[in-house]
Structures are given as C-alpha cells and as structure tokens.
C-alpha cells in the first residue's frame, strides 16, 4: 500500500476512534464534533462546534497534515498520546513531526524535525 494512503487511513481511523471515545456526537451533546477530511491536500481535522449555554465553542481538537510523506501533527488540544496510537498502527517515529513545537526545539522531541 502506498505510504501516503496508509497514513491517510491511520489518521482518519484515529479521528473516528477519538470521536467515538470522547462522545462528542451524543444526541444530548451541545457541542458536536466534525471530522474534516481533505485527501487531495492531505489535511485532516477534528473540530468542536456548538453552544454551551451562552458560550459559543468553535475550534480544532486535532489537526494533521501529510507533508513530504510525513505526518505533521499541527494541533492536539487534548491529553491524548496521539503519537502512541499512530505508531501502534504502523507509522514510524521518523515520519512523525510535532509541528506545534518550534523548529529549533524539535530535535529534543525524539521525532522527525521536518
């Protein structure tokens, strides 16, 4: 299987798994989750959107891009260890970039720098 296609599938499975586990789309949930998939541009996101009483919530929970054959985790607004899930599902550590870490500090993460 093509590596990019495999990585797309792993990211989508992760977003669906998180969405189910977090209960974001329960019928009584006021804030819904939406998975946005752009396979053509290799961009994937899980959004939270809705009203909690008088407070409007809108923002990314996760955002991933695939750039030059590597998964760039651009946003993780949870405590979930996403990289563990990715590696358990066949993504090699050298193909994971923590995009939210400053480029000069990424080499301390143990993951790819770019």
Foldseek 3Di string as FASTA:
>chain_A
DDLLVLLLVLVVVVLVVCQVVVVQVPPPHFWHWDWDDDSVQQKIWIWTFGDDPPDTDIDTQWIWGQDPSAIETADHNDPDPVVVSVVVSPHDQQRYFDNPDPLVCRVVVVGHSD
